[in-house]
C-alpha atoms as a PDB file:
ATOM      1  CA  MET A   1       0.000   0.000   0.000  1.00  0.00           C
ATOM      2  CA  ARG A   2       1.334   3.430  -0.999  1.00  0.00           C
ATOM      3  CA  LEU A   3       0.133   6.565   0.802  1.00  0.00           C
ATOM      4  CA  PHE A   4       0.709  10.242  -0.032  1.00  0.00           C
ATOM      5  CA  ASP A   5      -0.103  12.861   2.614  1.00  0.00           C
ATOM      6  CA  SER A   6      -0.870  15.770   0.315  1.00  0.00           C
ATOM      7  CA  HIS A   7      -1.047  18.437   3.037  1.00  0.00           C
ATOM      8  CA  ALA A   8       0.982  18.571   6.246  1.00  0.00           C
ATOM      9  CA  HIS A   9       2.693  21.175   8.454  1.00  0.00           C
ATOM     10  CA  TYR A  10       5.719  19.455   9.977  1.00  0.00           C
ATOM     11  CA  ASN A  11       7.340  22.779  10.816  1.00  0.00           C
ATOM     12  CA  ASP A  12       4.588  23.345  13.425  1.00  0.00           C
ATOM     13  CA  ARG A  13       5.907  23.639  16.969  1.00  0.00           C
ATOM     14  CA  ARG A  14       3.054  21.533  18.355  1.00  0.00           C
ATOM     15  CA  PHE A  15       4.946  18.412  17.328  1.00  0.00           C
ATOM     16  CA  GLU A  16       7.561  19.160  19.955  1.00  0.00           C
ATOM     17  CA  GLU A  17       4.957  18.324  22.623  1.00  0.00           C
ATOM     18  CA  GLU A  18       4.505  14.701  21.531  1.00  0.00           C
ATOM     19  CA  PHE A  19       7.346  13.497  19.307  1.00  0.00           C
ATOM     20  CA  ASP A  20      11.038  13.036  19.906  1.00  0.00           C
ATOM     21  CA  GLY A  21      12.697  15.262  17.342  1.00  0.00           C
ATOM     22  CA  GLY A  22       9.582  17.416  16.948  1.00  0.00           C
ATOM     23  CA  GLY A  23       8.194  17.673  13.425  1.00  0.00           C
ATOM     24  CA  ARG A  24      11.129  15.875  11.872  1.00  0.00           C
ATOM     25  CA  GLY A  25      10.682  13.021  14.322  1.00  0.00           C
ATOM     26  CA  ALA A  26       6.965  12.779  13.542  1.00  0.00           C
ATOM     27  CA  LEU A  27       7.668  12.896   9.802  1.00  0.00           C
ATOM     28  CA  CYS A  28      10.255  10.125   9.980  1.00  0.00           C
ATOM     29  CA  LYS A  29       8.013   7.979  12.183  1.00  0.00           C
ATOM     30  CA  ALA A  30       5.167   8.257   9.670  1.00  0.00           C
ATOM     31  CA  HIS A  31       7.507   7.406   6.815  1.00  0.00           C
ATOM     32  CA  SER A  32       8.776   4.345   8.690  1.00  0.00           C
ATOM     33  CA  LEU A  33       5.166   3.208   9.121  1.00  0.00           C
ATOM     34  CA  GLY A  34       4.504   3.276   5.376  1.00  0.00           C
ATOM     35  CA  VAL A  35       3.499   6.790   4.368  1.00  0.00           C
ATOM     36  CA  ASN A  36       5.608   7.152   1.254  1.00  0.00           C
ATOM     37  CA  ARG A  37       5.371  10.812   0.298  1.00  0.00           C
ATOM     38  CA  PHE A  38       4.390  14.141   1.817  1.00  0.00           C
ATOM     39  CA  CYS A  39       3.774  17.739   0.840  1.00  0.00           C
ATOM     40  CA  ASN A  40       4.744  20.171   3.571  1.00  0.00           C
ATOM     41  CA  VAL A  41       2.721  23.339   3.130  1.00  0.00           C
ATOM     42  CA  GLY A  42       3.661  26.897   4.026  1.00  0.00           C
ATOM     43  CA  SER A  43       1.347  29.510   5.516  1.00  0.00           C
ATOM     44  CA  SER A  44       3.752  32.467   5.734  1.00  0.00           C
ATOM     45  CA  VAL A  45       7.124  33.472   4.337  1.00  0.00           C
ATOM     46  CA  CYS A  46       8.858  31.880   7.326  1.00  0.00           C
ATOM     47  CA  THR A  47       6.972  28.581   7.229  1.00  0.00           C
ATOM     48  CA  SER A  48       7.371  28.419   3.451  1.00  0.00           C
ATOM     49  CA  GLU A  49      11.132  28.671   3.893  1.00  0.00           C
ATOM     50  CA  GLU A  50      10.938  25.916   6.515  1.00  0.00           C
ATOM     51  CA  SER A  51       8.957  23.750   4.089  1.00  0.00           C
ATOM     52  CA  ILE A  52      11.722  24.069   1.522  1.00  0.00           C
ATOM     53  CA  ARG A  53      14.331  23.088   4.102  1.00  0.00           C
ATOM     54  CA  LEU A  54      12.344  19.954   4.948  1.00  0.00           C
ATOM     55  CA  ALA A  55      12.058  19.073   1.261  1.00  0.00           C
ATOM     56  CA  GLU A  56      15.799  19.554   0.833  1.00  0.00           C
ATOM     57  CA  GLU A  57      16.483  17.293   3.808  1.00  0.00           C
ATOM     58  CA  PHE A  58      14.068  14.475   2.909  1.00  0.00           C
ATOM     59  CA  ASP A  59      13.726  13.263  -0.663  1.00  0.00           C
ATOM     60  CA  PHE A  60      10.219  11.942   0.048  1.00  0.00           C
ATOM     61  CA  VAL A  61       8.950  15.470   0.853  1.00  0.00           C
ATOM     62  CA  VAL A  62       7.947  18.241  -1.544  1.00  0.00           C
ATOM     63  CA  ALA A  63       7.166  21.813  -0.534  1.00  0.00           C
ATOM     64  CA  ALA A  64       4.367  24.289  -1.103  1.00  0.00           C
ATOM     65  CA  VAL A  65       4.964  27.981  -0.478  1.00  0.00           C
ATOM     66  CA  GLY A  66       2.361  30.621   0.206  1.00  0.00           C
ATOM     67  CA  ILE A  67       0.739  33.053   2.612  1.00  0.00           C
ATOM     68  CA  HIS A  68      -2.418  31.923   4.419  1.00  0.00           C
ATOM     69  CA  PRO A  69      -5.220  34.529   4.482  1.00  0.00           C
ATOM     70  CA  SER A  70      -5.028  34.949   8.255  1.00  0.00           C
ATOM     71  CA  ASP A  71      -1.245  35.372   8.121  1.00  0.00           C
ATOM     72  CA  ALA A  72      -1.632  37.886   5.295  1.00  0.00           C
ATOM     73  CA  GLN A  73      -3.595  40.191   7.580  1.00  0.00           C
ATOM     74  CA  GLU A  74      -0.642  40.386   9.988  1.00  0.00           C
ATOM     75  CA  ILE A  75       1.842  41.699   7.402  1.00  0.00           C
ATOM     76  CA  PRO A  76       2.479  45.449   7.675  1.00  0.00           C
ATOM     77  CA  ALA A  77       1.548  47.385   4.539  1.00  0.00           C
ATOM     78  CA  SER A  78       5.184  48.395   4.038  1.00  0.00           C
ATOM     79  CA  GLU A  79       6.203  44.695   3.838  1.00  0.00           C
ATOM     80  CA  VAL A  80       3.486  43.341   1.540  1.00  0.00           C
ATOM     81  CA  ASP A  81       5.390  43.696  -1.726  1.00  0.00           C
ATOM     82  CA  GLY A  82       8.514  42.151  -0.233  1.00  0.00           C
ATOM     83  CA  ALA A  83       6.597  39.181   1.187  1.00  0.00           C
ATOM     84  CA  LEU A  84       4.939  38.429  -2.148  1.00  0.00           C
ATOM     85  CA  ALA A  85       8.240  38.845  -3.977  1.00  0.00           C
ATOM     86  CA  ARG A  86       9.852  36.333  -1.618  1.00  0.00           C
ATOM     87  CA  ILE A  87       7.067  33.804  -2.265  1.00  0.00           C
ATOM     88  CA  GLU A  88       7.582  34.206  -5.999  1.00  0.00           C
ATOM     89  CA  GLU A  89      11.320  33.767  -5.602  1.00  0.00           C
ATOM     90  CA  MET A  90      10.753  30.525  -3.687  1.00  0.00           C
ATOM     91  CA  THR A  91       8.580  29.105  -6.480  1.00  0.00           C
ATOM     92  CA  LYS A  92      11.749  28.753  -8.540  1.00  0.00           C
ATOM     93  CA  HIS A  93      13.172  26.153  -6.130  1.00  0.00           C
ATOM     94  CA  GLU A  94      13.129  22.653  -7.629  1.00  0.00           C
ATOM     95  CA  ARG A  95      11.512  21.141  -4.520  1.00  0.00           C
ATOM     96  CA  VAL A  96       8.555  23.557  -4.617  1.00  0.00           C
ATOM     97  CA  ARG A  97       5.599  21.916  -6.353  1.00  0.00           C
ATOM     98  CA  ALA A  98       2.660  24.183  -5.444  1.00  0.00           C
ATOM     99  CA  VAL A  99       1.695  27.621  -4.168  1.00  0.00           C
ATOM    100  CA  GLY A 100      -0.210  27.431  -0.912  1.00  0.00           C
ATOM    101  CA  GLU A 101      -1.914  27.483   1.226  1.00  0.00           C
ATOM    102  CA  ILE A 102      -3.759  30.554   0.023  1.00  0.00           C
ATOM    103  CA  GLY A 103      -7.402  31.587  -0.033  1.00  0.00           C
ATOM    104  CA  PHE A 104     -10.083  33.025   2.217  1.00  0.00           C
ATOM    105  CA  ASP A 105     -10.743  32.547   5.940  1.00  0.00           C
ATOM    106  CA  TYR A 106     -13.747  34.410   7.338  1.00  0.00           C
ATOM    107  CA  HIS A 107     -13.895  32.373  10.554  1.00  0.00           C
ATOM    108  CA  TRP A 108     -11.380  34.135  12.779  1.00  0.00           C
ATOM    109  CA  GLU A 109     -11.940  37.749  13.759  1.00  0.00           C
ATOM    110  CA  PRO A 110     -10.906  40.285  12.702  1.00  0.00           C
ATOM    111  CA  VAL A 111     -11.552  39.605   9.021  1.00  0.00           C
ATOM    112  CA  ASP A 112     -10.037  41.994   6.489  1.00  0.00           C
ATOM    113  CA  ARG A 113     -11.661  40.777   3.282  1.00  0.00           C
ATOM    114  CA  ALA A 114      -9.940  43.329   1.088  1.00  0.00           C
ATOM    115  CA  CYS A 115      -6.529  42.231   2.357  1.00  0.00           C
ATOM    116  CA  GLN A 116      -7.347  38.549   1.908  1.00  0.00           C
ATOM    117  CA  ARG A 117      -8.597  39.151  -1.618  1.00  0.00           C
ATOM    118  CA  TYR A 118      -5.452  41.080  -2.546  1.00  0.00           C
ATOM    119  CA  PHE A 119      -3.153  38.281  -1.357  1.00  0.00           C
ATOM    120  CA  PHE A 120      -5.316  35.575  -2.907  1.00  0.00           C
ATOM    121  CA  GLU A 121      -5.291  37.196  -6.334  1.00  0.00           C
ATOM    122  CA  ALA A 122      -1.606  38.105  -6.150  1.00  0.00           C
ATOM    123  CA  GLN A 123      -0.629  34.523  -5.317  1.00  0.00           C
ATOM    124  CA  LEU A 124      -2.863  33.065  -8.011  1.00  0.00           C
ATOM    125  CA  GLU A 125      -0.915  35.243 -10.432  1.00  0.00           C
ATOM    126  CA  ILE A 126       2.410  34.086  -8.947  1.00  0.00           C
ATOM    127  CA  ALA A 127       1.322  30.469  -9.425  1.00  0.00           C
ATOM    128  CA  ARG A 128       0.247  31.161 -12.996  1.00  0.00           C
ATOM    129  CA  ARG A 129       3.606  32.687 -13.854  1.00  0.00           C
ATOM    130  CA  ALA A 130       5.397  29.756 -12.216  1.00  0.00           C
ATOM    131  CA  SER A 131       3.130  27.151 -13.888  1.00  0.00           C
ATOM    132  CA  LEU A 132       2.370  25.647 -10.473  1.00  0.00           C
ATOM    133  CA  PRO A 133      -0.939  24.447  -9.007  1.00  0.00           C
ATOM    134  CA  VAL A 134      -2.365  26.147  -5.939  1.00  0.00           C
ATOM    135  CA  ILE A 135      -3.543  24.765  -2.603  1.00  0.00           C
ATOM    136  CA  ILE A 136      -6.697  26.546  -1.486  1.00  0.00           C
ATOM    137  CA  HIS A 137      -7.778  27.193   2.102  1.00  0.00           C
ATOM    138  CA  SER A 138     -11.453  28.138   2.336  1.00  0.00           C
ATOM    139  CA  ARG A 139     -13.259  28.540   5.638  1.00  0.00           C
ATOM    140  CA  ASP A 140     -16.724  30.099   5.906  1.00  0.00           C
ATOM    141  CA  ALA A 141     -16.101  31.575   2.464  1.00  0.00           C
ATOM    142  CA  ALA A 142     -17.410  29.021  -0.024  1.00  0.00           C
ATOM    143  CA  GLY A 143     -19.116  31.471  -2.356  1.00  0.00           C
ATOM    144  CA  ASP A 144     -16.251  33.951  -2.565  1.00  0.00           C
ATOM    145  CA  THR A 145     -13.761  31.110  -3.013  1.00  0.00           C
ATOM    146  CA  PHE A 146     -15.699  29.640  -5.919  1.00  0.00           C
ATOM    147  CA  ASP A 147     -16.099  33.044  -7.563  1.00  0.00           C
ATOM    148  CA  MET A 148     -12.373  33.729  -7.271  1.00  0.00           C
ATOM    149  CA  ILE A 149     -11.417  30.396  -8.784  1.00  0.00           C
ATOM    150  CA  ALA A 150     -14.009  30.737 -11.553  1.00  0.00           C
ATOM    151  CA  ALA A 151     -12.532  34.124 -12.426  1.00  0.00           C
ATOM    152  CA  HIS A 152      -9.014  32.698 -12.757  1.00  0.00           C
ATOM    153  CA  ARG A 153      -9.451  29.838 -15.208  1.00  0.00           C
ATOM    154  CA  GLU A 154      -5.745  29.705 -16.051  1.00  0.00           C
ATOM    155  CA  ASN A 155      -4.990  28.386 -12.556  1.00  0.00           C
ATOM    156  CA  THR A 156      -5.361  24.813 -11.408  1.00  0.00           C
ATOM    157  CA  GLY A 157      -5.276  23.450  -7.896  1.00  0.00           C
ATOM    158  CA  VAL A 158      -6.889  21.642  -4.995  1.00  0.00           C
ATOM    159  CA  LEU A 159      -9.460  22.573  -2.387  1.00  0.00           C
ATOM    160  CA  HIS A 160      -7.694  21.282   0.699  1.00  0.00           C
ATOM    161  CA  SER A 161      -9.539  19.700   3.637  1.00  0.00           C
ATOM    162  CA  TYR A 162     -12.761  20.146   1.703  1.00  0.00           C
ATOM    163  CA  SER A 163     -15.851  20.764   3.834  1.00  0.00           C
ATOM    164  CA  GLY A 164     -18.407  21.990   1.288  1.00  0.00           C
ATOM    165  CA  HIS A 165     -21.364  20.379  -0.435  1.00  0.00           C
ATOM    166  CA  ALA A 166     -21.184  17.533  -2.933  1.00  0.00           C
ATOM    167  CA  GLU A 167     -22.423  19.787  -5.731  1.00  0.00           C
ATOM    168  CA  GLY A 168     -19.441  22.044  -5.078  1.00  0.00           C
ATOM    169  CA  VAL A 169     -17.156  19.053  -5.567  1.00  0.00           C
ATOM    170  CA  ARG A 170     -18.792  18.278  -8.899  1.00  0.00           C
ATOM    171  CA  GLN A 171     -18.441  21.894 -10.041  1.00  0.00           C
ATOM    172  CA  TYR A 172     -14.766  22.051  -9.081  1.00  0.00           C
ATOM    173  CA  ASN A 173     -14.039  18.719 -10.733  1.00  0.00           C
ATOM    174  CA  ARG A 174     -15.700  19.880 -13.960  1.00  0.00           C
ATOM    175  CA  MET A 175     -13.372  22.899 -13.858  1.00  0.00           C
ATOM    176  CA  GLY A 176     -10.375  20.572 -13.547  1.00  0.00           C
ATOM    177  CA  TRP A 177      -9.785  21.142  -9.837  1.00  0.00           C
ATOM    178  CA  TYR A 178      -8.925  18.480  -7.274  1.00  0.00           C
ATOM    179  CA  VAL A 179     -10.522  18.079  -3.842  1.00  0.00           C
ATOM    180  CA  SER A 180      -8.784  16.689  -0.772  1.00  0.00           C
ATOM    181  CA  PHE A 181     -10.252  15.161   2.372  1.00  0.00           C
ATOM    182  CA  SER A 182      -8.822  15.030   5.877  1.00  0.00           C
ATOM    183  CA  GLY A 183      -9.789  13.797   9.355  1.00  0.00           C
ATOM    184  CA  PRO A 184     -13.363  15.165   9.430  1.00  0.00           C
ATOM    185  CA  VAL A 185     -14.421  12.565   6.844  1.00  0.00           C
ATOM    186  CA  THR A 186     -14.169  10.072   9.744  1.00  0.00           C
ATOM    187  CA  TYR A 187     -16.455  12.076  12.069  1.00  0.00           C
ATOM    188  CA  LYS A 188     -20.025  10.883  12.675  1.00  0.00           C
ATOM    189  CA  SER A 189     -21.361  14.428  12.515  1.00  0.00           C
ATOM    190  CA  ALA A 190     -19.750  15.215   9.143  1.00  0.00           C
ATOM    191  CA  ALA A 191     -22.508  14.015   6.812  1.00  0.00           C
ATOM    192  CA  LYS A 192     -21.869  16.783   4.278  1.00  0.00           C
ATOM    193  CA  VAL A 193     -18.153  15.958   4.059  1.00  0.00           C
ATOM    194  CA  LYS A 194     -18.914  12.262   3.636  1.00  0.00           C
ATOM    195  CA  GLU A 195     -21.322  12.992   0.778  1.00  0.00           C
ATOM    196  CA  SER A 196     -18.672  15.136  -0.881  1.00  0.00           C
ATOM    197  CA  ALA A 197     -16.003  12.449  -0.575  1.00  0.00           C
ATOM    198  CA  ALA A 198     -18.356   9.950  -2.184  1.00  0.00           C
ATOM    199  CA  ALA A 199     -19.170  12.373  -5.029  1.00  0.00           C
ATOM    200  CA  ALA A 200     -15.626  13.349  -6.054  1.00  0.00           C
ATOM    201  CA  ASP A 201     -14.230  12.324  -9.423  1.00  0.00           C
ATOM    202  CA  GLU A 202     -11.912   9.371  -8.823  1.00  0.00           C
ATOM    203  CA  ASP A 203      -9.094  11.000 -10.798  1.00  0.00           C
ATOM    204  CA  MET A 204      -9.282  14.275  -8.838  1.00  0.00           C
ATOM    205  CA  LEU A 205      -9.403  12.897  -5.303  1.00  0.00           C
ATOM    206  CA  LEU A 206      -6.653  13.436  -2.713  1.00  0.00           C
ATOM    207  CA  ILE A 207      -6.295  12.642   0.985  1.00  0.00           C
ATOM    208  CA  GLU A 208      -4.367  14.524   3.643  1.00  0.00           C
ATOM    209  CA  THR A 209      -3.893  14.971   7.365  1.00  0.00           C
ATOM    210  CA  ASP A 210      -3.478  18.766   7.643  1.00  0.00           C
ATOM    211  CA  CYS A 211      -1.381  17.709  10.612  1.00  0.00           C
ATOM    212  CA  PRO A 212      -0.995  18.626  13.407  1.00  0.00           C
ATOM    213  CA  TYR A 213      -4.661  19.651  13.023  1.00  0.00           C
ATOM    214  CA  LEU A 214      -7.879  17.661  12.431  1.00  0.00           C
ATOM    215  CA  PRO A 215      -6.951  14.210  13.782  1.00  0.00           C
ATOM    216  CA  PRO A 216      -9.217  11.421  12.492  1.00  0.00           C
ATOM    217  CA  VAL A 217     -11.223   8.977  14.567  1.00  0.00           C
ATOM    218  CA  PRO A 218      -9.972   7.175  16.696  1.00  0.00           C
ATOM    219  CA  HIS A 219      -7.356   9.829  17.511  1.00  0.00           C
ATOM    220  CA  ARG A 220      -9.504  12.908  18.121  1.00  0.00           C
ATOM    221  CA  GLY A 221      -8.023  15.103  20.801  1.00  0.00           C
ATOM    222  CA  GLU A 222      -4.475  14.075  19.900  1.00  0.00           C
ATOM    223  CA  ILE A 223      -1.835  15.866  17.856  1.00  0.00           C
ATOM    224  CA  ASN A 224      -2.354  14.601  14.332  1.00  0.00           C
ATOM    225  CA  TYR A 225       0.446  13.218  12.156  1.00  0.00           C
ATOM    226  CA  SER A 226       0.708  11.282   8.908  1.00  0.00           C
ATOM    227  CA  GLY A 227       0.755   7.935  10.660  1.00  0.00           C
ATOM    228  CA  TYR A 228      -2.991   8.481  11.084  1.00  0.00           C
ATOM    229  CA  LEU A 229      -3.615   9.034   7.365  1.00  0.00           C
ATOM    230  CA  ILE A 230      -4.686   5.412   6.989  1.00  0.00           C
ATOM    231  CA  HIS A 231      -7.886   6.155   8.930  1.00  0.00           C
ATOM    232  CA  THR A 232      -8.876   8.884   6.487  1.00  0.00           C
ATOM    233  CA  CYS A 233      -8.008   6.576   3.606  1.00  0.00           C
ATOM    234  CA  GLU A 234     -10.167   3.793   5.015  1.00  0.00           C
ATOM    235  CA  ALA A 235     -13.112   6.161   5.552  1.00  0.00           C
ATOM    236  CA  VAL A 236     -12.917   7.519   1.995  1.00  0.00           C
ATOM    237  CA  ALA A 237     -12.618   3.973   0.640  1.00  0.00           C
ATOM    238  CA  ALA A 238     -15.721   2.806   2.512  1.00  0.00           C
ATOM    239  CA  LEU A 239     -17.747   5.770   1.261  1.00  0.00           C
ATOM    240  CA  ARG A 240     -16.755   5.018  -2.335  1.00  0.00           C
ATOM    241  CA  GLY A 241     -17.106   1.227  -2.263  1.00  0.00           C
ATOM    242  CA  MET A 242     -13.364   0.648  -2.598  1.00  0.00           C
ATOM    243  CA  THR A 243     -10.833  -1.254  -0.564  1.00  0.00           C
ATOM    244  CA  ALA A 244      -8.366   0.783   1.467  1.00  0.00           C
ATOM    245  CA  GLU A 245      -5.595  -0.475  -0.806  1.00  0.00           C
ATOM    246  CA  GLU A 246      -7.449   0.742  -3.912  1.00  0.00           C
ATOM    247  CA  ALA A 247      -8.126   4.164  -2.370  1.00  0.00           C
ATOM    248  CA  ALA A 248      -4.528   4.514  -1.191  1.00  0.00           C
ATOM    249  CA  GLU A 249      -3.119   3.684  -4.606  1.00  0.00           C
ATOM    250  CA  LYS A 250      -5.559   5.912  -6.471  1.00  0.00           C
ATOM    251  CA  THR A 251      -4.949   8.934  -4.259  1.00  0.00           C
ATOM    252  CA  TYR A 252      -1.197   8.292  -4.370  1.00  0.00           C
ATOM    253  CA  VAL A 253      -1.159   8.347  -8.169  1.00  0.00           C
ATOM    254  CA  ASN A 254      -3.424  11.414  -8.212  1.00  0.00           C
ATOM    255  CA  ALA A 255      -1.145  13.280  -5.802  1.00  0.00           C
ATOM    256  CA  CYS A 256       1.920  12.447  -7.874  1.00  0.00           C
ATOM    257  CA  ARG A 257       0.168  13.826 -10.951  1.00  0.00           C
ATOM    258  CA  PHE A 258      -0.921  16.953  -9.068  1.00  0.00           C
ATOM    259  CA  PHE A 259       2.597  17.678  -7.801  1.00  0.00           C
ATOM    260  CA  GLY A 260       4.313  16.700 -11.055  1.00  0.00           C
ATOM    261  CA  LEU A 261       6.061  13.644  -9.634  1.00  0.00           C
ATOM    262  CA  ASP A 262       6.830  10.246 -11.116  1.00  0.00           C
ATOM    263  CA  ASP A 263       4.397   7.780  -9.505  1.00  0.00           C
ATOM    264  CA  ARG A 264       6.738   4.896 -10.370  1.00  0.00           C
ATOM    265  CA  LYS A 265       9.235   6.072  -7.765  1.00  0.00           C
ATOM    266  CA  GLU A 266       8.877   5.842  -4.030  1.00  0.00           C
END
């Protein structure tokens, strides 16, 4: 069985609470347990740089670089151009395979929608110039996210940790966009997410942990890591009438295609 964790944050300091060696220790433990490949995703200039360092250190890791909408709001106006220029510079690194995570987050106050929109559009343009896919974060902003993506048809990407309706999945898939599912697909209360996972096009389906966040059942309340990805895989497989092995292989091949990797190599 081959597994690809398409969205993780191993630079997060929370790993230091539970794993010897912090994020690197958690990453290596997951790899030793059979998770073959990982994408470590940035949310700021600093964490994007850390993602590249992880990808340089481990040949089974690729990096994504970008500025999360909540992080974007914390950048002083005088530093905005420099931050975006640094993200664009990082896209030239050979280990960088996507721009992200970027998008909208209207959940956490205060919300500066104009700022989030500016960074979202600017990073979509950076990804277009770099010929890279984007990793989209969308929380409490489904309509604005869809409108933004629909207005930028030259971009391709994935809706990470998807939590919207099944019809949204179908619309994104018709536009050539991937959808990715994380721990909530294992939750009893997540009927909408389960319906969406069942509805996704088989060739545009990814799985992820979003670790250290969103641990799947039976590990809720713990710090999540890629060793728990199998539970998400099994849940998606059951919803789609597949075996866990079939779902793992399909999402592995899809992730390799998304990140421009050779699926014949471990």
